[in-house]
Protein backbone atom coordinates (compact mmCIF):
# COMPACT_ATOMS: atom_id res chain seq x y z
CA MET A 1 -22.18 -84.23 37.24
CA SER A 2 -20.46 -81.12 38.41
CA PRO A 3 -16.79 -80.73 36.89
CA PHE A 4 -15.40 -79.34 40.00
CA LYS A 5 -14.14 -82.23 42.75
CA ASN A 6 -14.77 -79.74 45.20
CA LYS A 7 -18.32 -78.23 45.74
CA ILE A 8 -16.93 -74.91 47.24
CA ILE A 9 -14.95 -73.95 43.94
CA PRO A 10 -17.91 -72.85 42.17
CA VAL A 11 -18.77 -70.55 45.26
CA ILE A 12 -15.13 -69.08 45.58
CA TYR A 13 -15.14 -68.33 42.08
CA THR A 14 -18.56 -66.82 42.14
CA LEU A 15 -17.63 -64.77 45.37
CA LEU A 16 -14.41 -63.75 43.29
CA ILE A 17 -16.61 -62.27 40.60
CA PHE A 18 -18.82 -60.55 42.98
CA ALA A 19 -15.84 -59.19 44.83
CA LEU A 20 -13.98 -57.84 41.81
CA ASP A 21 -17.54 -55.89 40.75
CA ARG A 22 -17.97 -54.56 44.10
CA ILE A 23 -14.50 -53.32 44.75
CA SER A 24 -14.68 -51.75 41.34
CA LYS A 25 -17.86 -50.08 42.11
CA VAL A 26 -16.87 -49.02 45.39
CA TRP A 27 -14.02 -47.13 43.73
CA VAL A 28 -16.40 -45.55 41.55
CA LEU A 29 -18.45 -44.28 44.17
CA SER A 30 -15.64 -42.87 46.02
CA TYR A 31 -13.24 -41.70 43.66
CA LEU A 32 -15.18 -41.54 39.91
CA LYS A 33 -18.82 -40.39 41.13
CA PRO A 34 -17.74 -36.44 42.29
CA LYS A 35 -15.66 -36.37 38.70
CA VAL A 36 -18.41 -38.03 36.75
CA ASN A 37 -15.82 -38.65 33.81
CA ILE A 38 -12.13 -39.67 33.42
CA ASP A 39 -10.65 -39.53 29.44
CA ILE A 40 -8.60 -42.36 29.32
CA LEU A 41 -8.32 -42.35 25.41
CA PRO A 42 -10.17 -40.64 22.53
CA PHE A 43 -12.39 -44.03 22.55
CA PHE A 44 -12.71 -44.67 26.27
CA LYS A 45 -13.54 -43.03 29.25
CA LEU A 46 -14.62 -44.02 33.05
CA THR A 47 -18.16 -42.52 33.53
CA TYR A 48 -20.27 -42.86 36.56
CA VAL A 49 -23.64 -43.86 35.81
CA GLN A 50 -26.46 -44.92 38.11
CA ASN A 51 -28.58 -47.18 36.00
CA THR A 52 -31.87 -47.89 37.03
CA GLY A 53 -32.96 -49.71 33.92
CA ALA A 54 -31.55 -53.17 31.98
CA ALA A 55 -28.93 -53.10 29.19
CA PHE A 56 -28.93 -50.45 26.73
CA GLY A 57 -30.87 -48.26 29.07
CA SER A 58 -34.23 -50.15 28.62
CA PHE A 59 -36.54 -50.24 31.38
CA GLN A 60 -35.50 -47.27 33.10
CA ASN A 61 -36.91 -46.72 36.51
CA GLY A 62 -37.79 -50.95 36.49
CA ASN A 63 -35.54 -51.60 39.49
CA THR A 64 -38.25 -53.34 41.62
CA ALA A 65 -38.99 -55.40 38.41
CA LEU A 66 -35.50 -56.01 37.59
CA ILE A 67 -34.71 -57.34 40.94
CA PHE A 68 -37.28 -59.82 40.62
CA VAL A 69 -36.22 -60.89 37.00
CA SER A 70 -32.91 -61.55 38.47
CA LEU A 71 -33.79 -63.19 41.09
CA ALA A 72 -35.49 -65.74 38.48
CA VAL A 73 -32.43 -66.03 36.42
CA LEU A 74 -30.65 -66.83 39.66
CA PHE A 75 -33.22 -69.53 40.64
CA VAL A 76 -33.36 -70.97 36.62
CA LEU A 77 -29.14 -70.91 36.76
CA ILE A 78 -29.45 -72.63 40.08
CA LYS A 79 -32.07 -75.36 39.22
CA TYR A 80 -30.45 -76.36 36.25
CA ARG A 81 -26.66 -76.25 36.93
CA GLU A 82 -26.10 -79.80 36.36
CA GLU A 83 -27.53 -79.57 32.95
CA ILE A 84 -25.75 -76.60 31.96
CA PHE A 85 -22.48 -78.26 33.59
CA LYS A 86 -22.86 -81.32 31.22
CA LEU A 87 -23.03 -79.02 27.72
CA GLY A 88 -19.24 -78.97 27.50
CA LYS A 89 -15.74 -78.26 28.97
CA PHE A 90 -16.28 -74.30 29.72
CA ALA A 91 -19.95 -74.57 30.22
CA PRO A 92 -19.26 -74.36 33.81
CA PHE A 93 -17.23 -71.29 33.55
CA ALA A 94 -20.20 -69.58 31.45
CA TRP A 95 -22.67 -70.44 34.50
CA LEU A 96 -20.28 -68.88 37.04
CA PHE A 97 -19.88 -65.91 34.79
CA ILE A 98 -23.54 -65.12 34.59
CA LEU A 99 -23.83 -66.16 38.38
CA GLY A 100 -21.36 -63.83 39.85
CA GLY A 101 -22.53 -60.91 37.33
CA ALA A 102 -26.12 -61.49 38.36
CA PHE A 103 -25.20 -61.26 42.08
CA GLY A 104 -23.32 -58.19 41.46
CA ASN A 105 -25.71 -56.28 39.93
CA LEU A 106 -28.66 -57.81 42.23
CA TYR A 107 -26.50 -56.22 45.01
CA ASP A 108 -26.59 -52.78 43.73
CA ARG A 109 -30.27 -52.75 42.66
CA ILE A 110 -30.95 -54.06 46.25
CA PHE A 111 -28.83 -52.02 48.34
CA LEU A 112 -28.17 -48.80 46.21
CA GLY A 113 -31.53 -48.86 44.31
CA SER A 114 -29.61 -48.84 41.05
CA VAL A 115 -26.73 -50.05 39.16
CA VAL A 116 -23.35 -48.69 38.88
CA ASP A 117 -21.99 -48.15 35.67
CA PHE A 118 -18.64 -46.81 34.57
CA ILE A 119 -17.01 -48.43 31.49
CA ASN A 120 -17.49 -46.12 28.70
CA PHE A 121 -16.42 -47.16 25.25
CA VAL A 122 -18.27 -43.82 23.83
CA VAL A 123 -19.71 -45.88 21.24
CA TRP A 124 -21.54 -48.08 23.38
CA PRO A 125 -23.61 -48.10 26.26
CA VAL A 126 -22.08 -47.67 29.72
CA PHE A 127 -21.53 -51.02 31.44
CA ASN A 128 -19.55 -52.52 34.38
CA ILE A 129 -17.81 -55.45 35.63
CA ALA A 130 -20.86 -57.48 36.20
CA ASP A 131 -22.20 -56.70 32.78
CA SER A 132 -19.25 -57.81 31.02
CA PHE A 133 -19.13 -61.40 33.02
CA ILE A 134 -23.00 -61.84 32.30
CA SER A 135 -22.50 -60.99 28.74
CA ILE A 136 -19.59 -63.11 28.01
CA GLY A 137 -21.26 -66.32 30.01
CA ALA A 138 -24.34 -65.82 28.06
CA VAL A 139 -22.59 -66.06 25.13
CA MET A 140 -20.71 -69.01 26.13
CA LEU A 141 -23.58 -70.35 27.14
CA ALA A 142 -25.55 -69.62 23.87
CA TRP A 143 -22.87 -71.53 22.06
CA TYR A 144 -23.17 -74.31 24.21
CA ILE A 145 -26.94 -74.93 23.81
CA LEU A 146 -26.88 -74.22 20.23
CA LYS A 147 -23.91 -76.72 19.78
CA ASP A 148 -26.08 -79.24 21.54
CA GLU A 149 -29.19 -78.44 19.85
CA TYR A 150 -27.36 -78.88 16.73
CA LYS A 151 -26.18 -82.30 17.83
CA LYS A 152 -29.42 -83.50 18.52
CA PHE A 153 -30.79 -81.84 15.15
CA LYS A 154 -28.12 -84.00 13.07
CA SER A 155 -28.52 -87.35 15.05
CA LYS A 156 -32.60 -86.85 14.63
CA LYS A 157 -31.65 -86.34 10.47
CA LYS A 158 -29.77 -89.59 10.48
CA GLU A 159 -32.70 -91.68 11.93
């Protein structure tokens, strides 16, 4: 059972996340790419990076395989939407965050051949807004899944 009374609301949220990601990347490609780096603070910069891999620079030059992984993740998210929504009050937002972010990075992979990254905290690999939404959503979803599994474990232990 979807917590959204109107079925268009999740679509709007997903499109907003996608749009926020796209707008930031269009700015990066037009303004930051020629400069490569803009120092903001000693520990924070904006740095243009073309990422042909996954998180933390893994699977470099694996763009085609990562397109299929992204499509599989999107399929699983859509297929198990109702189950995810039942996990808790904010679980639908975890789902939306992952969905919107995945679409943002998938767009880059398909149309640009790599993902545009630009947020650089110097001690952490460079990432983007879509990655941020995916990470926050994944942590939220993991929390709800672990919480649900713990409840099941406790109820079985009482039997």
